[in-house]
Amino acid sequence: LGNDWKDKKSICNKFAQTSSVTCLCWPSAHPNELVFGLAEGKVKVGQLKSNKAATLYQTESFVVTICAGPDGNSLLTGHLDGSIYRFCFETESMPRPTTTKIACVPACVPYALAWGYAGIVAAGNDRAVRFWDPEGREGRTFDYASDPKIKEFSCAAFNPSGESVVLGNFNR
């Protein structure tokens, strides 16, 4: 990127799309593939070496968030209708890519979505923080709807070991 603002920068890849790119992630086991979600509900992979984009899967709902799995070969997407999907790339132990709907929280848009070794967390505009185990089985829910100081959750991240998670929210 250059040490100074004046240093020359160049665009190395462009992936023209028919709708807005709403979120993106870069799975660690796929250094030449950038995954992004679109307003039209598609989840695509941009292949950096060929400069081409391909559809991984399509839903009927706007993609609001995306995060890479801790193994580097999977990802989660959160959608405007409250659904959460898991996509797993092809690996030696998984002969073909798979897409699974792991959860649906109809009253919540899961803006805050993260996946660590300990599990999955999602939170959003209903002021509840929900946890699932790494296989997608529902765990605990912490409901902050009765606390007037807490508003909607907007972001989440696990620490590198995947044992702790932090969520961000607006409190006014």
N, C-alpha and C. Protein backbone atom coordinates (compact mmCIF):
# COMPACT_ATOMS: atom_id res chain seq x y z
N LEU A 1 0.81 -1.20 0.00
CA LEU A 1 0.00 0.00 0.00
C LEU A 1 0.85 1.26 0.00
N GLY A 2 2.12 1.15 0.33
CA GLY A 2 2.99 2.31 0.36
C GLY A 2 3.13 2.88 1.75
N ASN A 3 4.29 3.43 2.04
CA ASN A 3 4.52 4.03 3.35
C ASN A 3 3.91 5.40 3.48
N ASP A 4 3.87 6.13 2.40
CA ASP A 4 3.30 7.48 2.41
C ASP A 4 2.02 7.54 1.60
N TRP A 5 1.20 8.51 1.94
CA TRP A 5 -0.06 8.70 1.22
C TRP A 5 0.20 8.97 -0.26
N LYS A 6 1.34 9.61 -0.57
CA LYS A 6 1.67 10.00 -1.94
C LYS A 6 2.18 8.83 -2.78
N ASP A 7 2.57 7.72 -2.14
CA ASP A 7 3.10 6.58 -2.88
C ASP A 7 2.06 6.05 -3.86
N LYS A 8 2.55 5.55 -5.00
CA LYS A 8 1.66 5.03 -6.03
C LYS A 8 0.95 3.76 -5.55
N LYS A 9 -0.32 3.70 -5.82
CA LYS A 9 -1.13 2.53 -5.49
C LYS A 9 -1.83 2.09 -6.77
N SER A 10 -2.09 0.81 -6.86
CA SER A 10 -2.79 0.32 -8.05
C SER A 10 -3.84 -0.71 -7.65
N ILE A 11 -4.87 -0.78 -8.44
CA ILE A 11 -5.93 -1.77 -8.24
C ILE A 11 -5.52 -3.02 -8.99
N CYS A 12 -5.46 -4.14 -8.29
CA CYS A 12 -5.01 -5.37 -8.94
C CYS A 12 -6.17 -6.27 -9.37
N ASN A 13 -7.32 -6.12 -8.75
CA ASN A 13 -8.47 -6.95 -9.12
C ASN A 13 -9.75 -6.14 -9.00
N LYS A 14 -10.66 -6.37 -9.94
CA LYS A 14 -12.00 -5.80 -9.89
C LYS A 14 -12.98 -6.91 -10.21
N PHE A 15 -14.05 -6.96 -9.44
CA PHE A 15 -15.08 -7.96 -9.67
C PHE A 15 -16.40 -7.21 -9.86
N ALA A 16 -16.70 -6.82 -11.08
CA ALA A 16 -17.92 -6.05 -11.37
C ALA A 16 -19.15 -6.86 -10.99
N GLN A 17 -20.11 -6.20 -10.32
CA GLN A 17 -21.32 -6.87 -9.85
C GLN A 17 -22.55 -6.08 -10.26
N THR A 18 -23.69 -6.78 -10.32
CA THR A 18 -24.94 -6.13 -10.71
C THR A 18 -25.69 -5.54 -9.52
N SER A 19 -25.26 -5.85 -8.30
CA SER A 19 -25.86 -5.22 -7.12
C SER A 19 -24.74 -4.89 -6.13
N SER A 20 -25.07 -4.14 -5.10
CA SER A 20 -24.07 -3.64 -4.16
C SER A 20 -23.42 -4.77 -3.37
N VAL A 21 -22.10 -4.65 -3.18
CA VAL A 21 -21.37 -5.53 -2.28
C VAL A 21 -21.63 -5.00 -0.86
N THR A 22 -22.12 -5.86 0.01
CA THR A 22 -22.54 -5.43 1.35
C THR A 22 -21.58 -5.87 2.45
N CYS A 23 -20.77 -6.89 2.21
CA CYS A 23 -19.84 -7.39 3.22
C CYS A 23 -18.83 -8.29 2.54
N LEU A 24 -17.69 -8.52 3.21
CA LEU A 24 -16.69 -9.41 2.63
C LEU A 24 -15.81 -10.01 3.71
N CYS A 25 -15.17 -11.11 3.37
CA CYS A 25 -14.20 -11.74 4.27
C CYS A 25 -13.17 -12.48 3.42
N TRP A 26 -12.06 -12.80 4.06
CA TRP A 26 -10.97 -13.48 3.38
C TRP A 26 -10.59 -14.71 4.20
N PRO A 27 -11.17 -15.88 3.89
CA PRO A 27 -10.86 -17.09 4.67
C PRO A 27 -9.37 -17.41 4.63
N SER A 28 -8.78 -17.73 5.77
CA SER A 28 -7.33 -17.89 5.89
C SER A 28 -6.76 -19.04 5.05
N ALA A 29 -7.52 -20.07 4.79
CA ALA A 29 -7.02 -21.19 3.99
C ALA A 29 -7.19 -20.96 2.49
N HIS A 30 -7.69 -19.78 2.13
CA HIS A 30 -7.94 -19.45 0.72
C HIS A 30 -7.34 -18.09 0.39
N PRO A 31 -5.99 -18.02 0.36
CA PRO A 31 -5.34 -16.72 0.18
C PRO A 31 -5.61 -16.05 -1.17
N ASN A 32 -6.07 -16.80 -2.15
CA ASN A 32 -6.33 -16.23 -3.47
C ASN A 32 -7.82 -16.12 -3.77
N GLU A 33 -8.65 -16.17 -2.71
CA GLU A 33 -10.09 -16.09 -2.89
C GLU A 33 -10.69 -15.16 -1.84
N LEU A 34 -11.40 -14.17 -2.31
CA LEU A 34 -12.07 -13.20 -1.46
C LEU A 34 -13.57 -13.46 -1.56
N VAL A 35 -14.26 -13.64 -0.43
CA VAL A 35 -15.69 -13.96 -0.45
C VAL A 35 -16.47 -12.71 -0.09
N PHE A 36 -17.56 -12.45 -0.82
CA PHE A 36 -18.36 -11.26 -0.57
C PHE A 36 -19.84 -11.54 -0.74
N GLY A 37 -20.65 -10.77 -0.01
CA GLY A 37 -22.10 -10.88 -0.07
C GLY A 37 -22.67 -9.71 -0.84
N LEU A 38 -23.83 -9.93 -1.47
CA LEU A 38 -24.47 -8.90 -2.28
C LEU A 38 -25.86 -8.56 -1.75
N ALA A 39 -26.31 -7.38 -2.08
CA ALA A 39 -27.64 -6.94 -1.68
C ALA A 39 -28.74 -7.85 -2.25
N GLU A 40 -28.50 -8.47 -3.37
CA GLU A 40 -29.50 -9.34 -3.99
C GLU A 40 -29.58 -10.74 -3.37
N GLY A 41 -28.71 -11.02 -2.36
CA GLY A 41 -28.76 -12.30 -1.66
C GLY A 41 -27.73 -13.31 -2.09
N LYS A 42 -26.91 -12.98 -3.07
CA LYS A 42 -25.88 -13.92 -3.52
C LYS A 42 -24.64 -13.80 -2.65
N VAL A 43 -23.94 -14.94 -2.51
CA VAL A 43 -22.63 -14.98 -1.87
C VAL A 43 -21.68 -15.47 -2.94
N LYS A 44 -20.64 -14.66 -3.22
CA LYS A 44 -19.73 -14.96 -4.32
C LYS A 44 -18.29 -15.04 -3.82
N VAL A 45 -17.47 -15.68 -4.63
CA VAL A 45 -16.04 -15.74 -4.38
C VAL A 45 -15.33 -15.05 -5.54
N GLY A 46 -14.43 -14.12 -5.20
CA GLY A 46 -13.61 -13.47 -6.20
C GLY A 46 -12.28 -14.19 -6.26
N GLN A 47 -11.98 -14.76 -7.41
CA GLN A 47 -10.75 -15.53 -7.58
C GLN A 47 -9.66 -14.59 -8.09
N LEU A 48 -8.69 -14.31 -7.23
CA LEU A 48 -7.70 -13.28 -7.52
C LEU A 48 -6.79 -13.63 -8.69
N LYS A 49 -6.45 -14.89 -8.86
CA LYS A 49 -5.54 -15.27 -9.95
C LYS A 49 -6.19 -15.15 -11.32
N SER A 50 -7.47 -15.50 -11.42
CA SER A 50 -8.16 -15.43 -12.72
C SER A 50 -8.94 -14.13 -12.90
N ASN A 51 -9.06 -13.34 -11.83
CA ASN A 51 -9.82 -12.10 -11.84
C ASN A 51 -11.29 -12.33 -12.22
N LYS A 52 -11.83 -13.47 -11.79
CA LYS A 52 -13.24 -13.80 -12.07
C LYS A 52 -13.97 -14.06 -10.76
N ALA A 53 -15.26 -13.79 -10.78
CA ALA A 53 -16.11 -14.07 -9.62
C ALA A 53 -17.05 -15.21 -9.95
N ALA A 54 -17.33 -16.03 -8.94
CA ALA A 54 -18.26 -17.15 -9.11
C ALA A 54 -19.23 -17.16 -7.93
N THR A 55 -20.45 -17.57 -8.18
CA THR A 55 -21.46 -17.64 -7.13
C THR A 55 -21.26 -18.91 -6.31
N LEU A 56 -21.14 -18.76 -4.98
CA LEU A 56 -21.06 -19.91 -4.09
C LEU A 56 -22.46 -20.43 -3.80
N TYR A 57 -23.38 -19.51 -3.47
CA TYR A 57 -24.78 -19.85 -3.27
C TYR A 57 -25.62 -18.59 -3.31
N GLN A 58 -26.92 -18.79 -3.43
CA GLN A 58 -27.84 -17.66 -3.51
C GLN A 58 -29.00 -17.87 -2.56
N THR A 59 -29.39 -16.78 -1.91
CA THR A 59 -30.57 -16.79 -1.06
C THR A 59 -31.53 -15.72 -1.58
N GLU A 60 -32.67 -15.62 -0.96
CA GLU A 60 -33.65 -14.60 -1.37
C GLU A 60 -33.56 -13.37 -0.49
N SER A 61 -32.54 -13.29 0.36
CA SER A 61 -32.46 -12.20 1.32
C SER A 61 -31.10 -11.50 1.29
N PHE A 62 -31.12 -10.20 1.37
CA PHE A 62 -29.96 -9.31 1.44
C PHE A 62 -28.92 -9.87 2.41
N VAL A 63 -27.66 -9.92 2.01
CA VAL A 63 -26.59 -10.40 2.89
C VAL A 63 -26.09 -9.22 3.71
N VAL A 64 -26.25 -9.28 5.04
CA VAL A 64 -25.86 -8.15 5.90
C VAL A 64 -24.49 -8.32 6.52
N THR A 65 -24.03 -9.56 6.68
CA THR A 65 -22.73 -9.79 7.32
C THR A 65 -22.16 -11.13 6.88
N ILE A 66 -20.84 -11.21 6.98
CA ILE A 66 -20.15 -12.44 6.62
C ILE A 66 -18.93 -12.57 7.52
N CYS A 67 -18.59 -13.78 7.90
CA CYS A 67 -17.37 -14.00 8.68
C CYS A 67 -16.78 -15.35 8.30
N ALA A 68 -15.45 -15.43 8.36
CA ALA A 68 -14.75 -16.67 8.06
C ALA A 68 -14.74 -17.57 9.28
N GLY A 69 -14.77 -18.87 9.04
CA GLY A 69 -14.69 -19.85 10.12
C GLY A 69 -13.27 -19.98 10.62
N PRO A 70 -13.09 -20.49 11.83
CA PRO A 70 -11.75 -20.61 12.40
C PRO A 70 -10.86 -21.60 11.66
N ASP A 71 -11.45 -22.51 10.91
CA ASP A 71 -10.64 -23.49 10.16
C ASP A 71 -10.12 -22.92 8.85
N GLY A 72 -10.62 -21.76 8.42
CA GLY A 72 -10.18 -21.14 7.18
C GLY A 72 -10.81 -21.72 5.94
N ASN A 73 -11.65 -22.75 6.10
CA ASN A 73 -12.30 -23.40 4.97
C ASN A 73 -13.82 -23.26 4.99
N SER A 74 -14.33 -22.37 5.82
CA SER A 74 -15.77 -22.21 5.94
C SER A 74 -16.09 -20.77 6.27
N LEU A 75 -17.36 -20.44 6.14
CA LEU A 75 -17.81 -19.08 6.45
C LEU A 75 -19.27 -19.10 6.83
N LEU A 76 -19.68 -18.03 7.49
CA LEU A 76 -21.08 -17.81 7.85
C LEU A 76 -21.55 -16.53 7.20
N THR A 77 -22.83 -16.51 6.83
CA THR A 77 -23.44 -15.27 6.35
C THR A 77 -24.73 -15.03 7.12
N GLY A 78 -24.98 -13.77 7.44
CA GLY A 78 -26.22 -13.36 8.08
C GLY A 78 -27.04 -12.57 7.08
N HIS A 79 -28.36 -12.74 7.13
CA HIS A 79 -29.24 -12.15 6.11
C HIS A 79 -30.34 -11.30 6.75
N LEU A 80 -30.88 -10.41 5.95
CA LEU A 80 -31.90 -9.46 6.41
C LEU A 80 -33.13 -10.15 6.98
N ASP A 81 -33.45 -11.36 6.53
CA ASP A 81 -34.61 -12.09 7.04
C ASP A 81 -34.33 -12.84 8.33
N GLY A 82 -33.12 -12.69 8.91
CA GLY A 82 -32.76 -13.35 10.16
C GLY A 82 -32.10 -14.70 9.98
N SER A 83 -31.91 -15.15 8.76
CA SER A 83 -31.30 -16.46 8.54
C SER A 83 -29.78 -16.36 8.59
N ILE A 84 -29.17 -17.48 9.01
CA ILE A 84 -27.71 -17.61 9.06
C ILE A 84 -27.35 -18.89 8.31
N TYR A 85 -26.46 -18.75 7.33
CA TYR A 85 -26.02 -19.89 6.53
C TYR A 85 -24.55 -20.17 6.77
N ARG A 86 -24.20 -21.47 6.69
CA ARG A 86 -22.80 -21.89 6.76
C ARG A 86 -22.41 -22.46 5.40
N PHE A 87 -21.29 -22.02 4.88
CA PHE A 87 -20.75 -22.56 3.64
C PHE A 87 -19.40 -23.19 3.96
N CYS A 88 -19.16 -24.41 3.47
CA CYS A 88 -17.88 -25.09 3.65
C CYS A 88 -17.28 -25.36 2.27
N PHE A 89 -16.05 -24.90 2.07
CA PHE A 89 -15.35 -25.15 0.83
C PHE A 89 -14.99 -26.62 0.72
N GLU A 90 -14.71 -27.05 -0.49
CA GLU A 90 -14.24 -28.41 -0.73
C GLU A 90 -12.88 -28.59 -0.08
N THR A 91 -12.72 -29.70 0.66
CA THR A 91 -11.44 -30.04 1.29
C THR A 91 -11.23 -31.55 1.12
N GLU A 92 -10.12 -32.06 1.63
CA GLU A 92 -9.89 -33.51 1.56
C GLU A 92 -10.95 -34.28 2.32
N SER A 93 -11.40 -33.75 3.45
CA SER A 93 -12.40 -34.46 4.24
C SER A 93 -13.83 -34.15 3.77
N MET A 94 -14.00 -33.12 2.95
CA MET A 94 -15.32 -32.77 2.42
C MET A 94 -15.20 -32.71 0.89
N PRO A 95 -15.66 -33.76 0.19
CA PRO A 95 -15.41 -33.87 -1.24
C PRO A 95 -16.09 -32.80 -2.11
N ARG A 96 -17.12 -32.14 -1.60
CA ARG A 96 -17.74 -31.05 -2.36
C ARG A 96 -18.21 -29.95 -1.43
N PRO A 97 -18.32 -28.75 -1.97
CA PRO A 97 -18.78 -27.63 -1.14
C PRO A 97 -20.21 -27.86 -0.64
N THR A 98 -20.50 -27.38 0.57
CA THR A 98 -21.85 -27.52 1.11
C THR A 98 -22.33 -26.19 1.68
N THR A 99 -23.62 -25.98 1.58
CA THR A 99 -24.27 -24.81 2.17
C THR A 99 -25.39 -25.32 3.05
N THR A 100 -25.44 -24.84 4.29
CA THR A 100 -26.45 -25.27 5.26
C THR A 100 -27.02 -24.06 5.97
N LYS A 101 -28.33 -24.02 6.07
CA LYS A 101 -28.97 -22.98 6.89
C LYS A 101 -28.90 -23.48 8.33
N ILE A 102 -28.13 -22.78 9.18
CA ILE A 102 -27.94 -23.28 10.54
C ILE A 102 -28.88 -22.63 11.54
N ALA A 103 -29.44 -21.48 11.20
CA ALA A 103 -30.32 -20.81 12.15
C ALA A 103 -31.21 -19.80 11.43
N CYS A 104 -32.31 -19.48 12.08
CA CYS A 104 -33.18 -18.40 11.62
C CYS A 104 -33.78 -17.73 12.84
N VAL A 105 -33.55 -16.45 12.95
CA VAL A 105 -34.08 -15.65 14.04
C VAL A 105 -34.94 -14.57 13.40
N PRO A 106 -36.22 -14.86 13.13
CA PRO A 106 -37.06 -13.96 12.34
C PRO A 106 -37.19 -12.53 12.88
N ALA A 107 -37.07 -12.34 14.17
CA ALA A 107 -37.25 -11.01 14.75
C ALA A 107 -35.95 -10.23 14.80
N CYS A 108 -34.88 -10.77 14.20
CA CYS A 108 -33.56 -10.15 14.36
C CYS A 108 -32.79 -10.16 13.04
N VAL A 109 -32.17 -9.03 12.73
CA VAL A 109 -31.21 -8.98 11.63
C VAL A 109 -29.83 -9.19 12.27
N PRO A 110 -29.13 -10.27 11.95
CA PRO A 110 -27.87 -10.59 12.64
C PRO A 110 -26.68 -9.78 12.13
N TYR A 111 -26.67 -8.50 12.46
CA TYR A 111 -25.56 -7.63 12.03
C TYR A 111 -24.24 -8.04 12.66
N ALA A 112 -24.27 -8.48 13.90
CA ALA A 112 -23.07 -8.91 14.61
C ALA A 112 -22.98 -10.43 14.51
N LEU A 113 -22.01 -10.93 13.76
CA LEU A 113 -21.87 -12.36 13.52
C LEU A 113 -20.39 -12.71 13.59
N ALA A 114 -20.05 -13.70 14.40
CA ALA A 114 -18.65 -14.14 14.52
C ALA A 114 -18.60 -15.63 14.80
N TRP A 115 -17.47 -16.24 14.42
CA TRP A 115 -17.29 -17.68 14.57
C TRP A 115 -15.88 -17.93 15.09
N GLY A 116 -15.81 -18.50 16.28
CA GLY A 116 -14.52 -18.86 16.88
C GLY A 116 -14.50 -20.34 17.17
N TYR A 117 -13.38 -20.83 17.68
CA TYR A 117 -13.28 -22.26 17.99
C TYR A 117 -14.31 -22.71 19.02
N ALA A 118 -14.71 -21.81 19.91
CA ALA A 118 -15.68 -22.16 20.95
C ALA A 118 -17.12 -22.18 20.44
N GLY A 119 -17.38 -21.54 19.31
CA GLY A 119 -18.73 -21.54 18.78
C GLY A 119 -19.03 -20.33 17.92
N ILE A 120 -20.31 -20.08 17.76
CA ILE A 120 -20.82 -19.03 16.89
C ILE A 120 -21.65 -18.07 17.73
N VAL A 121 -21.55 -16.78 17.46
CA VAL A 121 -22.37 -15.79 18.14
C VAL A 121 -23.04 -14.91 17.08
N ALA A 122 -24.29 -14.56 17.35
CA ALA A 122 -25.03 -13.63 16.48
C ALA A 122 -25.86 -12.72 17.36
N ALA A 123 -25.91 -11.46 16.99
CA ALA A 123 -26.73 -10.48 17.69
C ALA A 123 -27.12 -9.41 16.69
N GLY A 124 -28.14 -8.65 17.05
CA GLY A 124 -28.58 -7.62 16.11
C GLY A 124 -29.53 -6.64 16.73
N ASN A 125 -30.58 -6.33 15.97
CA ASN A 125 -31.49 -5.26 16.36
C ASN A 125 -32.52 -5.65 17.40
N ASP A 126 -32.58 -6.90 17.82
CA ASP A 126 -33.54 -7.27 18.89
C ASP A 126 -32.89 -7.26 20.27
N ARG A 127 -31.63 -6.87 20.36
CA ARG A 127 -30.89 -6.73 21.62
C ARG A 127 -30.68 -8.05 22.36
N ALA A 128 -30.68 -9.15 21.64
CA ALA A 128 -30.38 -10.46 22.22
C ALA A 128 -29.09 -10.99 21.60
N VAL A 129 -28.27 -11.63 22.42
CA VAL A 129 -27.02 -12.25 21.97
C VAL A 129 -27.23 -13.75 22.02
N ARG A 130 -27.09 -14.41 20.87
CA ARG A 130 -27.35 -15.84 20.77
C ARG A 130 -26.06 -16.59 20.45
N PHE A 131 -25.92 -17.77 21.07
CA PHE A 131 -24.75 -18.61 20.85
C PHE A 131 -25.17 -19.96 20.29
N TRP A 132 -24.33 -20.51 19.43
CA TRP A 132 -24.47 -21.88 18.92
C TRP A 132 -23.12 -22.56 19.07
N ASP A 133 -23.14 -23.88 19.19
CA ASP A 133 -21.86 -24.60 19.24
C ASP A 133 -21.29 -24.65 17.82
N PRO A 134 -20.05 -25.12 17.64
CA PRO A 134 -19.45 -25.13 16.29
C PRO A 134 -20.23 -25.93 15.25
N GLU A 135 -21.05 -26.87 15.69
CA GLU A 135 -21.85 -27.66 14.74
C GLU A 135 -23.19 -26.99 14.44
N GLY A 136 -23.49 -25.88 15.09
CA GLY A 136 -24.73 -25.15 14.82
C GLY A 136 -25.88 -25.48 15.75
N ARG A 137 -25.62 -26.23 16.82
CA ARG A 137 -26.69 -26.52 17.78
C ARG A 137 -26.86 -25.31 18.70
N GLU A 138 -28.12 -24.93 18.92
CA GLU A 138 -28.42 -23.73 19.70
C GLU A 138 -27.93 -23.86 21.14
N GLY A 139 -27.32 -22.79 21.62
CA GLY A 139 -26.83 -22.73 22.99
C GLY A 139 -27.58 -21.67 23.77
N ARG A 140 -26.85 -20.84 24.48
CA ARG A 140 -27.46 -19.82 25.34
C ARG A 140 -27.86 -18.57 24.59
N THR A 141 -28.83 -17.88 25.16
CA THR A 141 -29.25 -16.58 24.66
C THR A 141 -29.26 -15.62 25.83
N PHE A 142 -28.68 -14.46 25.63
CA PHE A 142 -28.70 -13.39 26.63
C PHE A 142 -29.55 -12.26 26.06
N ASP A 143 -30.67 -11.98 26.72
CA ASP A 143 -31.62 -10.99 26.22
C ASP A 143 -31.46 -9.69 27.00
N TYR A 144 -31.11 -8.63 26.29
CA TYR A 144 -30.91 -7.32 26.90
C TYR A 144 -32.06 -6.35 26.56
N ALA A 145 -33.18 -6.87 26.09
CA ALA A 145 -34.30 -6.02 25.67
C ALA A 145 -34.86 -5.18 26.82
N SER A 146 -34.75 -5.65 28.05
CA SER A 146 -35.31 -4.91 29.19
C SER A 146 -34.33 -3.85 29.72
N ASP A 147 -33.10 -3.81 29.20
CA ASP A 147 -32.11 -2.83 29.65
C ASP A 147 -32.16 -1.61 28.72
N PRO A 148 -32.67 -0.48 29.19
CA PRO A 148 -32.80 0.69 28.31
C PRO A 148 -31.47 1.28 27.86
N LYS A 149 -30.37 0.91 28.51
CA LYS A 149 -29.06 1.44 28.14
C LYS A 149 -28.46 0.71 26.94
N ILE A 150 -29.00 -0.44 26.60
CA ILE A 150 -28.44 -1.23 25.50
C ILE A 150 -29.37 -1.16 24.30
N LYS A 151 -28.80 -0.80 23.17
CA LYS A 151 -29.55 -0.74 21.90
C LYS A 151 -29.08 -1.90 21.02
N GLU A 152 -29.23 -1.77 19.72
CA GLU A 152 -28.91 -2.89 18.83
C GLU A 152 -27.40 -3.16 18.78
N PHE A 153 -27.06 -4.44 18.55
CA PHE A 153 -25.67 -4.86 18.40
C PHE A 153 -25.30 -4.75 16.93
N SER A 154 -24.07 -4.29 16.67
CA SER A 154 -23.69 -4.03 15.29
C SER A 154 -22.44 -4.77 14.82
N CYS A 155 -21.63 -5.30 15.72
CA CYS A 155 -20.43 -6.02 15.30
C CYS A 155 -20.00 -7.00 16.38
N ALA A 156 -19.24 -8.02 15.96
CA ALA A 156 -18.74 -9.03 16.89
C ALA A 156 -17.44 -9.59 16.37
N ALA A 157 -16.56 -9.99 17.29
CA ALA A 157 -15.28 -10.62 16.90
C ALA A 157 -14.80 -11.51 18.03
N PHE A 158 -14.30 -12.69 17.66
CA PHE A 158 -13.63 -13.57 18.60
C PHE A 158 -12.16 -13.21 18.67
N ASN A 159 -11.53 -13.47 19.82
CA ASN A 159 -10.09 -13.29 19.92
C ASN A 159 -9.41 -14.40 19.11
N PRO A 160 -8.10 -14.29 18.85
CA PRO A 160 -7.43 -15.29 18.01
C PRO A 160 -7.56 -16.73 18.49
N SER A 161 -7.62 -16.97 19.80
CA SER A 161 -7.77 -18.34 20.28
C SER A 161 -9.21 -18.84 20.13
N GLY A 162 -10.15 -17.92 19.89
CA GLY A 162 -11.54 -18.30 19.69
C GLY A 162 -12.30 -18.60 20.96
N GLU A 163 -11.74 -18.26 22.11
CA GLU A 163 -12.37 -18.57 23.39
C GLU A 163 -13.17 -17.41 23.97
N SER A 164 -12.88 -16.19 23.52
CA SER A 164 -13.58 -15.01 24.02
C SER A 164 -14.15 -14.23 22.85
N VAL A 165 -15.26 -13.58 23.10
CA VAL A 165 -15.90 -12.79 22.05
C VAL A 165 -16.25 -11.42 22.60
N VAL A 166 -16.19 -10.42 21.74
CA VAL A 166 -16.60 -9.07 22.12
C VAL A 166 -17.65 -8.61 21.10
N LEU A 167 -18.66 -7.92 21.60
CA LEU A 167 -19.71 -7.38 20.74
C LEU A 167 -19.79 -5.89 20.90
N GLY A 168 -20.11 -5.20 19.82
CA GLY A 168 -20.25 -3.75 19.87
C GLY A 168 -21.70 -3.37 19.71
N ASN A 169 -22.10 -2.33 20.43
CA ASN A 169 -23.47 -1.85 20.28
C ASN A 169 -23.52 -0.36 20.57
N PHE A 170 -24.62 0.23 20.18
CA PHE A 170 -24.86 1.65 20.41
C PHE A 170 -25.76 1.76 21.62
N ASN A 171 -25.41 2.65 22.55
CA ASN A 171 -26.16 2.68 23.79
C ASN A 171 -26.94 3.97 24.03
N ARG A 172 -27.26 4.71 23.00
CA ARG A 172 -28.03 5.94 23.19
C ARG A 172 -29.23 6.00 22.30
